[in-house]
Protein backbone atom coordinates (compact mmCIF):
# COMPACT_ATOMS: atom_id res chain seq x y z
CA UNK A 1 0.00 0.00 0.00
CA UNK A 2 1.14 3.49 -0.74
CA UNK A 3 1.56 6.04 1.97
CA UNK A 4 -0.68 9.14 1.72
CA UNK A 5 2.31 11.26 0.65
CA UNK A 6 3.01 8.82 -2.22
CA UNK A 7 -0.41 9.18 -3.80
CA UNK A 8 -1.30 11.79 -6.43
CA UNK A 9 -2.11 15.21 -4.99
CA UNK A 10 -4.98 15.61 -7.49
CA UNK A 11 -6.38 13.96 -10.62
CA UNK A 12 -4.74 14.84 -13.93
CA UNK A 13 -6.15 14.20 -17.41
CA UNK A 14 -3.78 14.14 -20.38
CA UNK A 15 -5.10 14.08 -23.94
CA UNK A 16 -3.62 11.59 -26.38
CA UNK A 17 -0.43 12.66 -28.13
CA UNK A 18 2.31 11.41 -30.43
CA UNK A 19 5.97 11.52 -29.47
CA UNK A 20 7.40 10.93 -32.92
CA UNK A 21 6.69 11.82 -36.52
CA UNK A 22 5.67 8.26 -37.44
CA UNK A 23 3.46 5.83 -35.57
CA UNK A 24 5.12 2.50 -34.82
CA UNK A 25 3.19 -0.57 -33.74
CA UNK A 26 4.52 -3.00 -31.15
CA UNK A 27 4.98 -5.55 -33.94
CA UNK A 28 7.02 -3.09 -36.01
CA UNK A 29 9.18 -2.22 -33.02
CA UNK A 30 9.74 -5.90 -32.22
CA UNK A 31 10.79 -6.51 -35.84
CA UNK A 32 13.25 -3.60 -35.62
CA UNK A 33 14.73 -4.87 -32.35
CA UNK A 34 15.09 -8.44 -33.66
CA UNK A 35 16.78 -7.24 -36.85
CA UNK A 36 19.13 -5.01 -34.83
CA UNK A 37 20.05 -7.86 -32.47
CA UNK A 38 20.76 -10.14 -35.44
CA UNK A 39 22.95 -7.46 -37.06
CA UNK A 40 24.91 -6.92 -33.85
CA UNK A 41 25.31 -10.69 -33.39
CA UNK A 42 26.56 -11.16 -36.97
CA UNK A 43 29.11 -8.37 -36.52
CA UNK A 44 30.42 -9.82 -33.25
CA UNK A 45 29.12 -6.90 -31.22
CA UNK A 46 26.74 -9.05 -29.21
CA UNK A 47 28.19 -12.05 -27.44
CA UNK A 48 25.33 -13.32 -25.34
CA UNK A 49 26.40 -11.44 -22.22
CA UNK A 50 29.91 -12.93 -22.04
PDB file of N, CA and C in Angstrom:
ATOM      1  N   UNK A   1       0.833  -1.186   0.000  1.00  0.00           N
ATOM      2  CA  UNK A   1       0.000   0.000   0.000  1.00  0.00           C
ATOM      3  C   UNK A   1       0.872   1.241   0.000  1.00  0.00           C
ATOM      4  N   UNK A   2       0.415   2.223  -0.693  1.00  0.00           N
ATOM      5  CA  UNK A   2       1.137   3.494  -0.738  1.00  0.00           C
ATOM      6  C   UNK A   2       0.801   4.339   0.475  1.00  0.00           C
ATOM      7  N   UNK A   3       1.787   5.077   0.904  1.00  0.00           N
ATOM      8  CA  UNK A   3       1.558   6.045   1.973  1.00  0.00           C
ATOM      9  C   UNK A   3       0.788   7.232   1.399  1.00  0.00           C
ATOM     10  N   UNK A   4       0.071   7.981   2.228  1.00  0.00           N
ATOM     11  CA  UNK A   4      -0.680   9.138   1.718  1.00  0.00           C
ATOM     12  C   UNK A   4       0.190  10.112   0.920  1.00  0.00           C
ATOM     13  N   UNK A   5       1.436  10.305   1.363  1.00  0.00           N
ATOM     14  CA  UNK A   5       2.311  11.260   0.651  1.00  0.00           C
ATOM     15  C   UNK A   5       2.788  10.727  -0.709  1.00  0.00           C
ATOM     16  N   UNK A   6       2.585   9.425  -0.962  1.00  0.00           N
ATOM     17  CA  UNK A   6       3.008   8.824  -2.217  1.00  0.00           C
ATOM     18  C   UNK A   6       1.897   8.790  -3.257  1.00  0.00           C
ATOM     19  N   UNK A   7       0.726   9.195  -2.882  1.00  0.00           N
ATOM     20  CA  UNK A   7      -0.411   9.182  -3.796  1.00  0.00           C
ATOM     21  C   UNK A   7      -0.493  10.515  -4.536  1.00  0.00           C
ATOM     22  N   UNK A   8      -1.156  10.534  -5.687  1.00  0.00           N
ATOM     23  CA  UNK A   8      -1.299  11.792  -6.430  1.00  0.00           C
ATOM     24  C   UNK A   8      -1.994  12.858  -5.586  1.00  0.00           C
ATOM     25  N   UNK A   9      -1.525  14.091  -5.730  1.00  0.00           N
ATOM     26  CA  UNK A   9      -2.112  15.208  -4.992  1.00  0.00           C
ATOM     27  C   UNK A   9      -3.502  15.536  -5.528  1.00  0.00           C
ATOM     28  N   UNK A  10      -3.696  15.330  -6.848  1.00  0.00           N
ATOM     29  CA  UNK A  10      -4.983  15.608  -7.485  1.00  0.00           C
ATOM     30  C   UNK A  10      -5.045  14.874  -8.810  1.00  0.00           C
ATOM     31  N   UNK A  11      -6.254  14.646  -9.329  1.00  0.00           N
ATOM     32  CA  UNK A  11      -6.384  13.963 -10.621  1.00  0.00           C
ATOM     33  C   UNK A  11      -5.840  14.817 -11.764  1.00  0.00           C
ATOM     34  N   UNK A  12      -5.255  14.158 -12.741  1.00  0.00           N
ATOM     35  CA  UNK A  12      -4.742  14.843 -13.930  1.00  0.00           C
ATOM     36  C   UNK A  12      -5.230  14.076 -15.146  1.00  0.00           C
ATOM     37  N   UNK A  13      -5.706  14.799 -16.150  1.00  0.00           N
ATOM     38  CA  UNK A  13      -6.149  14.200 -17.406  1.00  0.00           C
ATOM     39  C   UNK A  13      -5.232  14.709 -18.513  1.00  0.00           C
ATOM     40  N   UNK A  14      -4.667  13.782 -19.274  1.00  0.00           N
ATOM     41  CA  UNK A  14      -3.777  14.143 -20.379  1.00  0.00           C
ATOM     42  C   UNK A  14      -4.392  13.620 -21.662  1.00  0.00           C
ATOM     43  N   UNK A  15      -4.590  14.498 -22.638  1.00  0.00           N
ATOM     44  CA  UNK A  15      -5.099  14.077 -23.941  1.00  0.00           C
ATOM     45  C   UNK A  15      -4.062  13.214 -24.645  1.00  0.00           C
ATOM     46  N   UNK A  16      -4.524  12.416 -25.593  1.00  0.00           N
ATOM     47  CA  UNK A  16      -3.618  11.593 -26.378  1.00  0.00           C
ATOM     48  C   UNK A  16      -2.635  12.460 -27.150  1.00  0.00           C
ATOM     49  N   UNK A  17      -1.446  11.916 -27.399  1.00  0.00           N
ATOM     50  CA  UNK A  17      -0.430  12.663 -28.132  1.00  0.00           C
ATOM     51  C   UNK A  17       0.539  11.692 -28.779  1.00  0.00           C
ATOM     52  N   UNK A  18       1.273  12.175 -29.762  1.00  0.00           N
ATOM     53  CA  UNK A  18       2.310  11.406 -30.427  1.00  0.00           C
ATOM     54  C   UNK A  18       3.660  11.942 -29.983  1.00  0.00           C
ATOM     55  N   UNK A  19       4.646  11.068 -29.862  1.00  0.00           N
ATOM     56  CA  UNK A  19       5.965  11.522 -29.467  1.00  0.00           C
ATOM     57  C   UNK A  19       6.984  11.381 -30.590  1.00  0.00           C
ATOM     58  N   UNK A  20       6.514  11.037 -31.776  1.00  0.00           N
ATOM     59  CA  UNK A  20       7.403  10.933 -32.923  1.00  0.00           C
ATOM     60  C   UNK A  20       6.624  11.301 -34.175  1.00  0.00           C
ATOM     61  N   UNK A  21       7.324  11.446 -35.259  1.00  0.00           N
ATOM     62  CA  UNK A  21       6.689  11.825 -36.517  1.00  0.00           C
ATOM     63  C   UNK A  21       5.892  10.680 -37.122  1.00  0.00           C
ATOM     64  N   UNK A  22       6.285   9.435 -36.824  1.00  0.00           N
ATOM     65  CA  UNK A  22       5.671   8.263 -37.439  1.00  0.00           C
ATOM     66  C   UNK A  22       5.187   7.298 -36.365  1.00  0.00           C
ATOM     67  N   UNK A  23       3.969   6.840 -36.496  1.00  0.00           N
ATOM     68  CA  UNK A  23       3.458   5.833 -35.572  1.00  0.00           C
ATOM     69  C   UNK A  23       4.184   4.519 -35.806  1.00  0.00           C
ATOM     70  N   UNK A  24       4.468   3.800 -34.739  1.00  0.00           N
ATOM     71  CA  UNK A  24       5.115   2.499 -34.819  1.00  0.00           C
ATOM     72  C   UNK A  24       4.327   1.540 -33.938  1.00  0.00           C
ATOM     73  N   UNK A  25       3.916   0.431 -34.519  1.00  0.00           N
ATOM     74  CA  UNK A  25       3.188  -0.568 -33.739  1.00  0.00           C
ATOM     75  C   UNK A  25       4.175  -1.391 -32.908  1.00  0.00           C
ATOM     76  N   UNK A  26       3.666  -2.109 -31.934  1.00  0.00           N
ATOM     77  CA  UNK A  26       4.521  -3.002 -31.150  1.00  0.00           C
ATOM     78  C   UNK A  26       5.180  -4.041 -32.053  1.00  0.00           C
ATOM     79  N   UNK A  27       4.439  -4.549 -33.016  1.00  0.00           N
ATOM     80  CA  UNK A  27       4.983  -5.554 -33.938  1.00  0.00           C
ATOM     81  C   UNK A  27       6.124  -4.968 -34.774  1.00  0.00           C
ATOM     82  N   UNK A  28       5.960  -3.740 -35.239  1.00  0.00           N
ATOM     83  CA  UNK A  28       7.020  -3.090 -36.012  1.00  0.00           C
ATOM     84  C   UNK A  28       8.262  -2.865 -35.147  1.00  0.00           C
ATOM     85  N   UNK A  29       8.051  -2.451 -33.912  1.00  0.00           N
ATOM     86  CA  UNK A  29       9.184  -2.221 -33.023  1.00  0.00           C
ATOM     87  C   UNK A  29       9.897  -3.529 -32.710  1.00  0.00           C
ATOM     88  N   UNK A  30       9.135  -4.600 -32.473  1.00  0.00           N
ATOM     89  CA  UNK A  30       9.737  -5.904 -32.221  1.00  0.00           C
ATOM     90  C   UNK A  30      10.576  -6.343 -33.418  1.00  0.00           C
ATOM     91  N   UNK A  31      10.058  -6.150 -34.633  1.00  0.00           N
ATOM     92  CA  UNK A  31      10.789  -6.506 -35.841  1.00  0.00           C
ATOM     93  C   UNK A  31      12.099  -5.722 -35.919  1.00  0.00           C
ATOM     94  N   UNK A  32      12.047  -4.423 -35.618  1.00  0.00           N
ATOM     95  CA  UNK A  32      13.250  -3.597 -35.621  1.00  0.00           C
ATOM     96  C   UNK A  32      14.274  -4.115 -34.613  1.00  0.00           C
ATOM     97  N   UNK A  33      13.819  -4.398 -33.399  1.00  0.00           N
ATOM     98  CA  UNK A  33      14.729  -4.874 -32.353  1.00  0.00           C
ATOM     99  C   UNK A  33      15.360  -6.198 -32.764  1.00  0.00           C
ATOM    100  N   UNK A  34      14.560  -7.126 -33.271  1.00  0.00           N
ATOM    101  CA  UNK A  34      15.089  -8.435 -33.658  1.00  0.00           C
ATOM    102  C   UNK A  34      16.102  -8.314 -34.792  1.00  0.00           C
ATOM    103  N   UNK A  35      15.821  -7.447 -35.746  1.00  0.00           N
ATOM    104  CA  UNK A  35      16.780  -7.237 -36.846  1.00  0.00           C
ATOM    105  C   UNK A  35      18.074  -6.614 -36.325  1.00  0.00           C
ATOM    106  N   UNK A  36      17.944  -5.680 -35.403  1.00  0.00           N
ATOM    107  CA  UNK A  36      19.125  -5.014 -34.827  1.00  0.00           C
ATOM    108  C   UNK A  36      19.970  -6.005 -34.036  1.00  0.00           C
ATOM    109  N   UNK A  37      19.323  -6.852 -33.242  1.00  0.00           N
ATOM    110  CA  UNK A  37      20.051  -7.861 -32.474  1.00  0.00           C
ATOM    111  C   UNK A  37      20.795  -8.798 -33.420  1.00  0.00           C
ATOM    112  N   UNK A  38      20.129  -9.238 -34.475  1.00  0.00           N
ATOM    113  CA  UNK A  38      20.764 -10.138 -35.442  1.00  0.00           C
ATOM    114  C   UNK A  38      21.975  -9.464 -36.094  1.00  0.00           C
ATOM    115  N   UNK A  39      21.845  -8.203 -36.445  1.00  0.00           N
ATOM    116  CA  UNK A  39      22.945  -7.463 -37.059  1.00  0.00           C
ATOM    117  C   UNK A  39      24.123  -7.356 -36.090  1.00  0.00           C
ATOM    118  N   UNK A  40      23.843  -7.011 -34.845  1.00  0.00           N
ATOM    119  CA  UNK A  40      24.911  -6.920 -33.846  1.00  0.00           C
ATOM    120  C   UNK A  40      25.583  -8.272 -33.639  1.00  0.00           C
ATOM    121  N   UNK A  41      24.773  -9.341 -33.592  1.00  0.00           N
ATOM    122  CA  UNK A  41      25.310 -10.689 -33.390  1.00  0.00           C
ATOM    123  C   UNK A  41      26.234 -11.058 -34.558  1.00  0.00           C
ATOM    124  N   UNK A  42      25.788 -10.802 -35.788  1.00  0.00           N
ATOM    125  CA  UNK A  42      26.562 -11.160 -36.971  1.00  0.00           C
ATOM    126  C   UNK A  42      27.877 -10.389 -37.041  1.00  0.00           C
ATOM    127  N   UNK A  43      27.904  -9.187 -36.487  1.00  0.00           N
ATOM    128  CA  UNK A  43      29.114  -8.369 -36.517  1.00  0.00           C
ATOM    129  C   UNK A  43      29.975  -8.548 -35.269  1.00  0.00           C
ATOM    130  N   UNK A  44      29.628  -9.525 -34.435  1.00  0.00           N
ATOM    131  CA  UNK A  44      30.424  -9.818 -33.254  1.00  0.00           C
ATOM    132  C   UNK A  44      30.306  -8.777 -32.143  1.00  0.00           C
ATOM    133  N   UNK A  45      29.288  -7.938 -32.219  1.00  0.00           N
ATOM    134  CA  UNK A  45      29.121  -6.901 -31.222  1.00  0.00           C
ATOM    135  C   UNK A  45      28.178  -7.322 -30.100  1.00  0.00           C
ATOM    136  N   UNK A  46      27.638  -8.517 -30.229  1.00  0.00           N
ATOM    137  CA  UNK A  46      26.737  -9.049 -29.207  1.00  0.00           C
ATOM    138  C   UNK A  46      27.191 -10.481 -28.942  1.00  0.00           C
ATOM    139  N   UNK A  47      27.611 -10.733 -27.722  1.00  0.00           N
ATOM    140  CA  UNK A  47      28.193 -12.051 -27.441  1.00  0.00           C
ATOM    141  C   UNK A  47      27.409 -12.822 -26.401  1.00  0.00           C
ATOM    142  N   UNK A  48      26.141 -12.572 -26.274  1.00  0.00           N
ATOM    143  CA  UNK A  48      25.332 -13.320 -25.343  1.00  0.00           C
ATOM    144  C   UNK A  48      25.610 -13.003 -23.885  1.00  0.00           C
ATOM    145  N   UNK A  49      26.169 -11.850 -23.592  1.00  0.00           N
ATOM    146  CA  UNK A  49      26.403 -11.437 -22.217  1.00  0.00           C
ATOM    147  C   UNK A  49      27.749 -11.869 -21.667  1.00  0.00           C
ATOM    148  N   UNK A  50      28.579 -12.502 -22.499  1.00  0.00           N
ATOM    149  CA  UNK A  50      29.913 -12.927 -22.037  1.00  0.00           C
ATOM    150  C   UNK A  50      30.951 -11.879 -22.320  1.00  0.00           C
TER     151      UNK A  50
END
